[in-house]
């Protein structure tokens, strides 16, 4: 995403929340707002008090001498161009709308100012309007989803905040000046991304033959080159909906032209896919590349992708698509902090969409975040709180924190009542692209009659395996466990919605003890 599109909500200067309090600092797309369809709570409102969110937004921008750019317009941002690459489903769709200054006005329009104006005009209807938050990967390790990227003085230096070159330098992470002890997890040998060798065979060799293998979908980075994923029938990042591919064309991960560094999130989805394969070798894995080199994307992009997947799910249930399109588990290793975390966000478009996926029999797991904070990270914080009565017709979202190898909770893992469970998430071993190779080199090397000799190259991942840490990886561990439970369910081959709900609920009950 171009840095010029990003803004940071500054609590000191921004318009206050509708309750009069200062907003939290969050990153968002500066000239876009997400317009949701009418809230479920709107059905009971009196006609004279309800105003469609888009109509209200039009009034708000008019008051600020601005104008709206409709979806599909040639002047739209990357979010809109992304959305235009796939056909629109039959169901009502939440979308992102761009706000532009009118005429020759040079000063850009701030989405937060527009949202504040909408709340002033009609507070209740303005609940259908939302910032287009910037989601970041919930990992890897201590520098994933960093708070410092949300601070104004860092956000003005995108190349520093989004892809810190020091993340690959082990001496930095080990220095006390690094701050939190969580920084230790970024150091090779203490949980950081480190090349290793694995002598175990491909788990697919022990996979059973099923009439319909469970499908795990991962919106993330691209799926890298690896022998385990050579067969696109078992793992692919070419995911289609109604004949059109979902996702973006990923850029190479082999570093920048000037210093050859490896992007902090290179190989992220490949690592996740390897964890799922280790736990459920029967599972098919679909990776959807949606994140840029900094591990970010607008919330509107994720909403669009999930809307397309929900439509595909419904078509498959109706027999208008192949049974192989039916999603069993959705693994989300990304998130954002909200400007008003005390708001229950009952009508947040992303929450409603994830609820609908749960009603379509999809078990959604989400990473809890790596900032050692109790501030809720969304969408993980959409998980039900303890004591919640679960809706039988909807599989609830599960938020996942990380554990160390000894079973303790990882120092970086977020905490709070909104955390559903913990799974291994520190110093895990999994797959990485075999062509991943960075600028750091072995400390020593020489030629000998028996062949080249050297110490370990810290950024040569040609072995195809690495250790890594983060709640980004704890979530797919649970995803793999759920998929394995679904494999054993007697209704695994059924292609109707009720069967999907039954087997997903059975897996949730087995792994978490939750019951509908």
Protein backbone atom coordinates (compact mmCIF):
# COMPACT_ATOMS: atom_id res chain seq x y z
CA UNK A 1 0.00 0.00 0.00
CA UNK A 2 1.48 3.40 -0.90
CA UNK A 3 2.60 5.22 2.28
CA UNK A 4 0.82 8.35 1.06
CA UNK A 5 -2.51 6.60 1.68
CA UNK A 6 -1.76 5.81 5.32
CA UNK A 7 -2.60 8.02 8.24
CA UNK A 8 -2.36 7.67 11.99
CA UNK A 9 -5.14 8.77 14.29
CA UNK A 10 -3.43 11.12 16.73
CA UNK A 11 -5.29 11.26 20.07
CA UNK A 12 -3.94 14.76 20.75
CA UNK A 13 -5.27 16.42 17.59
CA UNK A 14 -8.04 14.21 16.21
CA UNK A 15 -11.75 14.85 16.62
CA UNK A 16 -12.96 13.10 19.79
CA UNK A 17 -15.04 9.94 19.82
CA UNK A 18 -18.84 10.39 19.96
CA UNK A 19 -18.62 9.82 23.73
CA UNK A 20 -16.25 12.79 24.02
CA UNK A 21 -13.13 10.73 24.79
CA UNK A 22 -9.92 10.82 22.78
CA UNK A 23 -9.54 8.01 20.24
CA UNK A 24 -6.74 5.46 20.43
CA UNK A 25 -3.88 5.77 17.88
CA UNK A 26 -4.61 3.50 14.93
CA UNK A 27 -3.45 3.27 11.33
CA UNK A 28 -6.07 3.71 8.60
CA UNK A 29 -6.49 4.54 4.93
CA UNK A 30 -6.66 8.31 5.03
CA UNK A 31 -9.18 8.97 2.28
CA UNK A 32 -11.50 5.96 2.54
CA UNK A 33 -14.42 4.86 4.70
CA UNK A 34 -16.08 1.46 4.89
CA UNK A 35 -19.81 1.63 4.25
CA UNK A 36 -21.72 -1.26 5.72
CA UNK A 37 -25.11 -2.52 4.70
CA UNK A 38 -27.97 -1.69 7.05
CA UNK A 39 -27.30 -3.02 10.54
CA UNK A 40 -29.46 -5.81 11.89
CA UNK A 41 -30.50 -3.41 14.63
CA UNK A 42 -31.85 -1.00 12.00
CA UNK A 43 -34.79 -3.26 11.24
CA UNK A 44 -36.61 -2.16 14.40
CA UNK A 45 -35.90 1.55 14.08
CA UNK A 46 -38.52 4.08 13.18
CA UNK A 47 -38.30 5.16 9.58
CA UNK A 48 -37.89 8.82 10.43
CA UNK A 49 -34.76 8.18 12.50
CA UNK A 50 -32.93 5.84 10.13
CA UNK A 51 -30.79 7.06 7.26
CA UNK A 52 -28.89 4.67 4.97
CA UNK A 53 -25.16 4.93 5.79
CA UNK A 54 -24.20 5.88 2.23
CA UNK A 55 -26.79 8.68 2.14
CA UNK A 56 -25.51 9.98 5.47
CA UNK A 57 -21.93 9.84 4.20
CA UNK A 58 -22.95 11.89 1.16
CA UNK A 59 -24.40 14.56 3.44
CA UNK A 60 -21.27 14.55 5.61
CA UNK A 61 -18.86 15.04 2.71
CA UNK A 62 -21.09 17.77 1.25
CA UNK A 63 -20.82 19.68 4.53
CA UNK A 64 -17.02 19.41 4.27
CA UNK A 65 -16.91 20.54 0.63
CA UNK A 66 -15.82 17.10 -0.54
CA UNK A 67 -17.22 14.39 -2.79
CA UNK A 68 -17.49 10.62 -2.91
CA UNK A 69 -15.92 8.33 -5.48
CA UNK A 70 -18.21 5.35 -6.12
CA UNK A 71 -16.88 1.78 -6.23
CA UNK A 72 -15.20 0.86 -9.49
CA UNK A 73 -14.40 4.49 -10.40
CA UNK A 74 -11.09 4.94 -12.23
CA UNK A 75 -9.85 7.25 -9.51
CA UNK A 76 -10.15 4.76 -6.72
CA UNK A 77 -7.36 3.58 -4.49
CA UNK A 78 -5.66 0.21 -4.29
CA UNK A 79 -8.52 -1.11 -2.15
CA UNK A 80 -11.02 -0.43 -4.89
CA UNK A 81 -8.83 -1.73 -7.68
CA UNK A 82 -8.39 -4.92 -5.69
CA UNK A 83 -12.15 -5.25 -5.30
CA UNK A 84 -12.67 -4.77 -9.01
CA UNK A 85 -10.61 -7.85 -9.88
CA UNK A 86 -13.43 -10.25 -8.95
CA UNK A 87 -17.14 -10.20 -9.74
CA UNK A 88 -19.54 -9.00 -7.11
CA UNK A 89 -21.62 -11.65 -5.36
CA UNK A 90 -25.39 -11.72 -5.26
CA UNK A 91 -25.49 -10.88 -1.54
CA UNK A 92 -25.39 -7.25 -0.29
CA UNK A 93 -21.78 -6.18 -0.02
CA UNK A 94 -19.88 -3.94 2.31
CA UNK A 95 -17.41 -1.80 0.42
CA UNK A 96 -14.87 0.99 0.81
CA UNK A 97 -15.65 4.43 -0.62
CA UNK A 98 -13.09 7.10 -1.30
CA UNK A 99 -13.54 10.73 -0.21
CA UNK A 100 -11.91 13.41 -2.35
CA UNK A 101 -11.63 17.20 -2.03
CA UNK A 102 -14.01 19.05 -4.31
CA UNK A 103 -12.73 21.03 -7.26
CA UNK A 104 -9.23 22.52 -6.95
CA UNK A 105 -9.00 22.18 -3.19
CA UNK A 106 -5.46 20.99 -2.55
CA UNK A 107 -5.82 19.84 1.06
CA UNK A 108 -6.85 16.15 1.27
CA UNK A 109 -9.94 15.11 3.17
CA UNK A 110 -9.34 13.10 6.35
CA UNK A 111 -11.62 10.08 6.74
CA UNK A 112 -11.75 10.56 10.52
CA UNK A 113 -13.00 14.13 10.10
CA UNK A 114 -15.70 12.91 7.72
CA UNK A 115 -16.71 10.18 10.16
CA UNK A 116 -16.94 12.71 13.02
CA UNK A 117 -19.15 14.91 10.82
CA UNK A 118 -21.42 11.96 10.08
CA UNK A 119 -21.82 11.21 13.80
CA UNK A 120 -22.72 14.85 14.40
CA UNK A 121 -25.43 14.68 11.74
CA UNK A 122 -26.94 11.32 12.73
CA UNK A 123 -25.12 9.34 15.40
CA UNK A 124 -27.16 6.13 15.18
CA UNK A 125 -26.97 5.84 11.39
CA UNK A 126 -23.27 6.73 11.46
CA UNK A 127 -22.64 3.38 13.14
CA UNK A 128 -22.82 1.97 9.62
CA UNK A 129 -19.69 3.94 8.68
CA UNK A 130 -16.19 2.86 9.72
CA UNK A 131 -12.55 3.69 9.22
CA UNK A 132 -10.76 1.48 6.73
CA UNK A 133 -8.25 0.17 9.28
CA UNK A 134 -4.87 -1.08 8.18
CA UNK A 135 -4.43 -4.69 9.20
CA UNK A 136 -0.99 -6.10 9.88
CA UNK A 137 0.24 -9.60 10.47
CA UNK A 138 -0.11 -10.65 14.09
CA UNK A 139 3.46 -11.93 13.88
CA UNK A 140 6.20 -12.86 13.47
CA UNK A 141 7.44 -12.68 17.01
CA UNK A 142 8.16 -9.48 18.84
CA UNK A 143 8.01 -7.02 15.94
CA UNK A 144 4.70 -8.16 14.43
CA UNK A 145 1.81 -5.67 14.44
CA UNK A 146 4.06 -3.13 16.23
CA UNK A 147 2.58 -0.37 18.32
CA UNK A 148 5.39 1.89 17.18
CA UNK A 149 4.03 1.76 13.64
CA UNK A 150 0.90 3.47 14.98
CA UNK A 151 2.77 6.36 16.55
CA UNK A 152 2.78 9.55 14.47
CA UNK A 153 6.51 10.14 14.43
CA UNK A 154 7.20 6.61 13.22
CA UNK A 155 4.34 6.48 10.75
CA UNK A 156 5.86 9.41 8.89
CA UNK A 157 8.81 7.17 8.04
CA UNK A 158 7.08 4.21 6.34
CA UNK A 159 10.22 2.53 5.09
CA UNK A 160 11.49 2.36 8.66
CA UNK A 161 8.30 1.43 10.48
CA UNK A 162 7.06 -1.15 8.00
CA UNK A 163 10.23 -3.05 7.16
CA UNK A 164 12.87 -2.50 9.81
CA UNK A 165 16.19 -3.76 8.51
CA UNK A 166 17.41 -4.36 12.04
CA UNK A 167 14.81 -7.14 12.49
CA UNK A 168 17.23 -9.55 10.81
CA UNK A 169 20.21 -8.46 12.91
CA UNK A 170 20.56 -10.82 15.89
CA UNK A 171 22.74 -8.49 17.95
CA UNK A 172 19.99 -5.86 18.04
CA UNK A 173 17.33 -8.17 19.45
CA UNK A 174 19.69 -9.35 22.20
CA UNK A 175 20.61 -5.87 23.41
CA UNK A 176 18.88 -4.64 26.60
CA UNK A 177 18.15 -1.38 24.78
CA UNK A 178 15.76 -3.38 22.60
CA UNK A 179 13.12 -2.75 25.26
CA UNK A 180 10.74 -5.56 26.22
CA UNK A 181 12.04 -9.06 26.94
CA UNK A 182 9.77 -10.06 24.05
CA UNK A 183 12.60 -8.88 21.79
CA UNK A 184 14.41 -12.09 22.65
CA UNK A 185 12.00 -13.96 20.38
CA UNK A 186 13.41 -12.11 17.40
CA UNK A 187 16.90 -13.45 17.97
CA UNK A 188 18.00 -16.55 16.07
CA UNK A 189 18.28 -19.41 18.52
CA UNK A 190 15.64 -17.91 20.83
CA UNK A 191 12.63 -18.24 18.57
CA UNK A 192 13.54 -15.92 15.70
CA UNK A 193 13.36 -16.96 12.05
CA UNK A 194 16.35 -19.28 11.80
CA UNK A 195 17.31 -21.94 9.23
CA UNK A 196 17.14 -25.52 10.49
CA UNK A 197 17.17 -29.00 8.98
CA UNK A 198 14.29 -31.44 9.33
CA UNK A 199 14.88 -35.15 8.75
CA UNK A 200 11.25 -36.26 9.17
CA UNK A 201 9.39 -37.30 6.00
CA UNK A 202 6.66 -35.23 4.37
CA UNK A 203 3.51 -35.74 6.52
CA UNK A 204 1.55 -36.34 3.31
CA UNK A 205 3.06 -39.84 3.24
CA UNK A 206 0.82 -40.79 6.16
CA UNK A 207 -2.27 -38.99 4.85
CA UNK A 208 -5.47 -40.99 4.53
CA UNK A 209 -7.58 -40.89 1.36
CA UNK A 210 -10.86 -39.08 2.04
CA UNK A 211 -13.86 -38.53 -0.22
CA UNK A 212 -13.66 -34.82 0.66
CA UNK A 213 -10.51 -33.64 2.43
CA UNK A 214 -11.11 -30.64 4.72
CA UNK A 215 -10.15 -27.25 3.31
CA UNK A 216 -8.14 -24.68 5.29
CA UNK A 217 -8.00 -21.15 3.84
CA UNK A 218 -5.25 -18.68 4.80
CA UNK A 219 -5.41 -15.01 3.65
CA UNK A 220 -1.79 -13.96 4.10
CA UNK A 221 1.39 -13.61 2.04
CA UNK A 222 2.02 -15.80 -1.00
CA UNK A 223 2.80 -19.51 -0.82
CA UNK A 224 6.51 -19.98 -1.50
CA UNK A 225 8.46 -22.66 -3.31
CA UNK A 226 8.75 -25.87 -1.30
CA UNK A 227 8.73 -29.63 -2.07
CA UNK A 228 5.80 -30.23 0.30
CA UNK A 229 3.62 -27.90 -1.76
CA UNK A 230 4.64 -28.91 -5.28
CA UNK A 231 1.21 -30.44 -5.92
CA UNK A 232 -1.35 -27.62 -6.36
CA UNK A 233 -4.12 -30.11 -5.57
CA UNK A 234 -3.00 -30.11 -1.94
CA UNK A 235 -1.71 -26.55 -1.48
CA UNK A 236 -2.01 -23.51 -3.73
CA UNK A 237 -2.18 -19.72 -3.71
CA UNK A 238 -4.19 -19.60 -6.94
CA UNK A 239 -7.65 -19.37 -5.41
CA UNK A 240 -10.59 -18.55 -7.65
CA UNK A 241 -14.16 -17.38 -7.15
CA UNK A 242 -16.49 -17.56 -10.14
CA UNK A 243 -13.52 -17.98 -12.45
CA UNK A 244 -11.52 -15.02 -11.13
CA UNK A 245 -8.40 -15.28 -8.98
CA UNK A 246 -8.48 -13.81 -5.50
CA UNK A 247 -5.51 -11.89 -4.17
CA UNK A 248 -2.73 -9.69 -5.45
CA UNK A 249 0.39 -10.43 -7.42
CA UNK A 250 3.09 -10.76 -4.76
CA UNK A 251 6.43 -9.05 -5.22
CA UNK A 252 9.69 -10.99 -4.91
CA UNK A 253 10.85 -11.64 -1.37
CA UNK A 254 14.56 -11.70 -2.12
CA UNK A 255 15.29 -8.29 -0.60
CA UNK A 256 15.72 -4.69 -1.70
CA UNK A 257 18.04 -3.54 -4.50
CA UNK A 258 20.33 -1.67 -2.08
CA UNK A 259 20.95 -4.03 0.80
CA UNK A 260 19.49 -7.42 -0.09
CA UNK A 261 17.61 -7.81 3.16
CA UNK A 262 14.81 -10.34 3.49
CA UNK A 263 11.42 -8.80 4.12
CA UNK A 264 10.34 -9.39 7.74
CA UNK A 265 7.30 -11.39 6.68
CA UNK A 266 8.82 -13.35 3.78
CA UNK A 267 7.74 -16.96 3.96
CA UNK A 268 4.98 -16.24 6.50
CA UNK A 269 2.19 -18.11 4.70
CA UNK A 270 4.55 -20.94 3.78
CA UNK A 271 5.39 -21.41 7.46
CA UNK A 272 1.67 -21.44 8.31
CA UNK A 273 0.91 -23.97 5.56
CA UNK A 274 3.61 -26.27 6.91
CA UNK A 275 2.10 -26.19 10.41
CA UNK A 276 -1.31 -27.16 9.07
CA UNK A 277 0.22 -29.96 7.00
CA UNK A 278 2.11 -31.37 9.99
CA UNK A 279 -1.09 -31.57 12.04
CA UNK A 280 -3.50 -32.59 9.27
CA UNK A 281 -1.72 -34.01 6.22
CA UNK A 282 -5.09 -34.78 4.61
CA UNK A 283 -6.10 -31.10 4.54
CA UNK A 284 -6.11 -29.05 1.38
CA UNK A 285 -4.64 -25.58 1.90
CA UNK A 286 -5.62 -22.47 -0.05
CA UNK A 287 -3.43 -19.42 0.54
CA UNK A 288 -4.73 -16.05 -0.66
CA UNK A 289 -1.94 -13.46 -1.07
CA UNK A 290 -3.41 -10.21 0.23
CA UNK A 291 -0.51 -8.58 2.10
CA UNK A 292 2.18 -6.27 0.82
CA UNK A 293 5.89 -6.47 1.67
CA UNK A 294 5.28 -4.68 4.97
CA UNK A 295 2.68 -7.26 6.00
CA UNK A 296 -0.22 -4.78 5.74
CA UNK A 297 -3.52 -4.38 3.91
CA UNK A 298 -6.69 -2.28 4.27
CA UNK A 299 -9.58 -3.80 6.17
CA UNK A 300 -11.73 -3.28 3.09
CA UNK A 301 -9.56 -5.72 1.15
CA UNK A 302 -10.07 -8.47 3.73
CA UNK A 303 -13.81 -7.78 3.79
CA UNK A 304 -13.94 -8.10 0.02
CA UNK A 305 -11.99 -11.38 -0.03
CA UNK A 306 -14.09 -12.93 2.74
CA UNK A 307 -17.31 -11.81 1.04
CA UNK A 308 -16.21 -13.62 -2.12
CA UNK A 309 -15.34 -16.74 -0.13
CA UNK A 310 -18.73 -16.66 1.61
CA UNK A 311 -20.46 -16.44 -1.75
CA UNK A 312 -18.40 -19.39 -3.00
CA UNK A 313 -19.39 -21.36 0.10
CA UNK A 314 -23.07 -20.70 -0.49
CA UNK A 315 -22.80 -21.70 -4.14
CA UNK A 316 -21.07 -24.94 -3.22
CA UNK A 317 -23.82 -25.79 -0.73
CA UNK A 318 -26.42 -25.12 -3.44
CA UNK A 319 -24.64 -27.39 -5.91
CA UNK A 320 -23.59 -24.49 -8.12
CA UNK A 321 -19.92 -25.08 -7.32
CA UNK A 322 -17.66 -28.07 -6.63
CA UNK A 323 -17.63 -29.71 -3.21
CA UNK A 324 -13.92 -28.89 -3.04
CA UNK A 325 -14.88 -25.20 -2.62
CA UNK A 326 -16.41 -25.81 0.81
CA UNK A 327 -14.22 -24.20 3.48
CA UNK A 328 -13.86 -25.96 6.83
CA UNK A 329 -11.36 -23.67 8.63
CA UNK A 330 -10.32 -20.05 8.04
CA UNK A 331 -7.00 -19.07 9.67
CA UNK A 332 -6.37 -15.34 10.20
CA UNK A 333 -2.92 -14.27 11.41
CA UNK A 334 -3.53 -10.53 11.15
CA UNK A 335 -5.36 -7.79 12.98
CA UNK A 336 -5.79 -4.16 14.00
CA UNK A 337 -6.40 -2.16 17.17
CA UNK A 338 -9.60 -0.12 17.25
CA UNK A 339 -9.83 3.58 18.01
CA UNK A 340 -12.60 2.87 20.54
CA UNK A 341 -11.98 -0.59 22.04
CA UNK A 342 -14.74 -0.05 24.63
CA UNK A 343 -17.27 -0.09 21.79
CA UNK A 344 -18.59 -3.67 21.52
CA UNK A 345 -18.49 -3.29 17.73
CA UNK A 346 -21.65 -5.38 17.37
CA UNK A 347 -22.27 -4.01 13.90
CA UNK A 348 -18.68 -3.86 12.63
CA UNK A 349 -18.78 -5.05 9.00
CA UNK A 350 -15.90 -7.45 9.54
CA UNK A 351 -17.59 -8.95 12.60
CA UNK A 352 -20.90 -9.47 10.78
CA UNK A 353 -19.08 -11.09 7.88
CA UNK A 354 -17.16 -13.46 10.14
CA UNK A 355 -20.43 -14.32 11.89
CA UNK A 356 -21.95 -15.19 8.52
CA UNK A 357 -18.99 -17.42 7.73
CA UNK A 358 -19.59 -19.16 11.06
CA UNK A 359 -23.22 -19.71 10.04
CA UNK A 360 -21.90 -21.24 6.82
CA UNK A 361 -20.04 -23.88 8.83
CA UNK A 362 -16.59 -22.26 8.75
CA UNK A 363 -14.49 -22.48 11.91
CA UNK A 364 -12.58 -19.17 12.10
CA UNK A 365 -9.39 -18.94 14.16
CA UNK A 366 -7.55 -15.65 14.69
CA UNK A 367 -4.18 -14.76 16.20
CA UNK A 368 -4.27 -12.80 19.45
CA UNK A 369 -1.29 -10.52 18.69
CA UNK A 370 2.27 -10.14 19.94
CA UNK A 371 2.44 -6.87 21.86
CA UNK A 372 2.17 -8.12 25.47
CA UNK A 373 -0.93 -5.99 25.92
CA UNK A 374 -4.48 -6.48 27.13
CA UNK A 375 -5.80 -4.10 24.48
CA UNK A 376 -8.09 -6.13 22.20
CA UNK A 377 -6.77 -6.97 18.75
CA UNK A 378 -9.45 -7.43 16.10
CA UNK A 379 -10.72 -9.71 14.63
CA UNK A 380 -9.42 -11.98 17.43
CA UNK A 381 -11.29 -9.88 20.00
CA UNK A 382 -14.59 -10.74 18.28
CA UNK A 383 -14.29 -14.11 20.03
CA UNK A 384 -17.00 -14.80 22.65
CA UNK A 385 -16.19 -13.94 26.25
CA UNK A 386 -16.26 -16.56 29.02
CA UNK A 387 -19.80 -17.52 30.00
CA UNK A 388 -21.25 -16.71 26.57
CA UNK A 389 -24.16 -18.86 25.42
CA UNK A 390 -23.20 -20.07 21.96
CA UNK A 391 -25.57 -19.89 19.03
CA UNK A 392 -26.14 -23.46 17.73
CA UNK A 393 -26.42 -22.28 14.13
CA UNK A 394 -23.09 -20.43 14.10
CA UNK A 395 -19.57 -21.66 14.74
CA UNK A 396 -17.92 -19.05 17.01
CA UNK A 397 -14.64 -17.37 16.18
CA UNK A 398 -11.72 -18.60 18.32
CA UNK A 399 -8.83 -16.33 19.33
CA UNK A 400 -5.48 -17.99 19.95
CA UNK A 401 -2.55 -16.93 22.12
CA UNK A 402 0.94 -18.50 22.05
CA UNK A 403 2.75 -20.88 24.37
CA UNK A 404 6.47 -21.53 24.79
CA UNK A 405 7.92 -25.02 24.32
CA UNK A 406 7.73 -25.59 28.08
CA UNK A 407 4.00 -24.78 28.13
CA UNK A 408 4.23 -21.30 29.64
CA UNK A 409 2.52 -18.42 27.86
CA UNK A 410 4.90 -16.67 25.49
CA UNK A 411 6.07 -13.29 26.78
CA UNK A 412 4.93 -11.51 23.62
CA UNK A 413 1.42 -13.02 23.58
CA UNK A 414 -1.46 -10.60 24.22
CA UNK A 415 -3.77 -11.29 27.14
CA UNK A 416 -7.36 -10.67 28.18
CA UNK A 417 -10.73 -12.33 28.59
CA UNK A 418 -11.11 -12.22 24.81
CA UNK A 419 -8.35 -14.83 24.40
CA UNK A 420 -10.10 -18.16 23.84
CA UNK A 421 -7.16 -20.54 24.18
CA UNK A 422 -3.40 -20.95 23.73
CA UNK A 423 -1.46 -23.17 21.39
CA UNK A 424 2.28 -23.67 20.66
CA UNK A 425 3.55 -20.43 19.12
CA UNK A 426 7.22 -20.00 20.05
CA UNK A 427 10.27 -21.66 18.49
CA UNK A 428 8.09 -23.72 16.15
CA UNK A 429 9.61 -25.63 13.22
CA UNK A 430 7.92 -25.45 9.85
CA UNK A 431 8.37 -24.84 6.13
CA UNK A 432 9.85 -21.74 4.48
CA UNK A 433 10.52 -21.06 0.79
CA UNK A 434 13.65 -22.88 -0.37
CA UNK A 435 14.69 -19.87 -2.45
CA UNK A 436 14.68 -17.51 0.55
CA UNK A 437 18.19 -16.10 0.89
CA UNK A 438 19.31 -12.81 2.42
CA UNK A 439 22.35 -10.59 2.72
CA UNK A 440 23.71 -12.03 5.98
CA UNK A 441 26.32 -14.70 5.43
CA UNK A 442 28.20 -17.37 7.32
CA UNK A 443 30.80 -16.01 9.71
CA UNK A 444 33.49 -18.28 8.31
CA UNK A 445 34.01 -20.42 5.22
CA UNK A 446 36.82 -22.00 3.24
CA UNK A 447 37.49 -24.43 0.43
CA UNK A 448 38.80 -27.89 1.22
CA UNK A 449 39.56 -31.06 -0.67
CA UNK A 450 36.36 -32.59 0.74
CA UNK A 451 34.23 -29.63 -0.35
CA UNK A 452 33.25 -26.18 0.95
CA UNK A 453 33.27 -25.76 4.72
CA UNK A 454 31.37 -22.99 6.58
CA UNK A 455 29.51 -21.99 9.67
CA UNK A 456 25.72 -21.71 9.44
CA UNK A 457 24.45 -19.02 7.07
CA UNK A 458 21.76 -17.24 9.14
CA UNK A 459 19.72 -16.17 6.10
CA UNK A 460 20.05 -19.09 3.71
CA UNK A 461 16.84 -21.09 3.95
CA UNK A 462 17.52 -23.54 1.12
CA UNK A 463 16.91 -26.39 3.58
CA UNK A 464 13.23 -25.40 3.39
CA UNK A 465 12.74 -25.33 7.16
CA UNK A 466 13.10 -22.79 9.93
CA UNK A 467 12.15 -21.96 13.49
CA UNK A 468 9.90 -18.95 14.06
CA UNK A 469 7.68 -17.47 16.76
CA UNK A 470 4.42 -15.55 17.02
CA UNK A 471 0.71 -15.89 17.66
CA UNK A 472 0.61 -15.82 13.85
CA UNK A 473 1.64 -19.44 14.11
CA UNK A 474 -0.37 -20.44 17.19
CA UNK A 475 -3.61 -19.84 15.26
CA UNK A 476 -2.77 -22.22 12.38
CA UNK A 477 -1.72 -24.83 14.93
CA UNK A 478 -5.33 -24.79 16.16
CA UNK A 479 -6.53 -24.66 12.54
CA UNK A 480 -4.62 -27.86 11.82
CA UNK A 481 -6.01 -29.52 14.94
CA UNK A 482 -9.58 -28.59 13.97
CA UNK A 483 -9.03 -29.88 10.43
CA UNK A 484 -7.74 -33.18 11.86
CA UNK A 485 -10.87 -33.50 14.00
CA UNK A 486 -13.05 -32.84 10.94
CA UNK A 487 -11.23 -35.62 9.06
CA UNK A 488 -12.50 -38.08 11.65
CA UNK A 489 -16.10 -36.88 11.56
CA UNK A 490 -18.60 -39.21 9.85
CA UNK A 491 -20.10 -36.27 7.92
CA UNK A 492 -16.77 -35.07 6.48
CA UNK A 493 -17.84 -35.86 2.90
CA UNK A 494 -21.27 -34.23 3.11
CA UNK A 495 -21.73 -31.03 1.14
CA UNK A 496 -24.70 -29.39 2.86
CA UNK A 497 -24.62 -26.52 5.34
CA UNK A 498 -26.08 -28.48 8.27
CA UNK A 499 -23.36 -31.12 7.96
CA UNK A 500 -20.68 -28.41 7.79
CA UNK A 501 -22.05 -26.85 10.99
CA UNK A 502 -22.25 -30.23 12.74
CA UNK A 503 -18.67 -31.30 12.00
CA UNK A 504 -17.23 -27.84 12.74
CA UNK A 505 -19.04 -27.71 16.08
CA UNK A 506 -17.83 -31.24 16.89
CA UNK A 507 -14.23 -30.13 16.27
CA UNK A 508 -14.66 -26.99 18.41
CA UNK A 509 -16.18 -29.04 21.21
CA UNK A 510 -13.36 -31.57 21.10
CA UNK A 511 -10.56 -28.98 21.09
CA UNK A 512 -12.04 -26.28 23.36
CA UNK A 513 -14.91 -27.89 25.22
CA UNK A 514 -17.42 -25.35 23.87
CA UNK A 515 -20.92 -26.63 23.14
CA UNK A 516 -23.77 -25.09 21.14
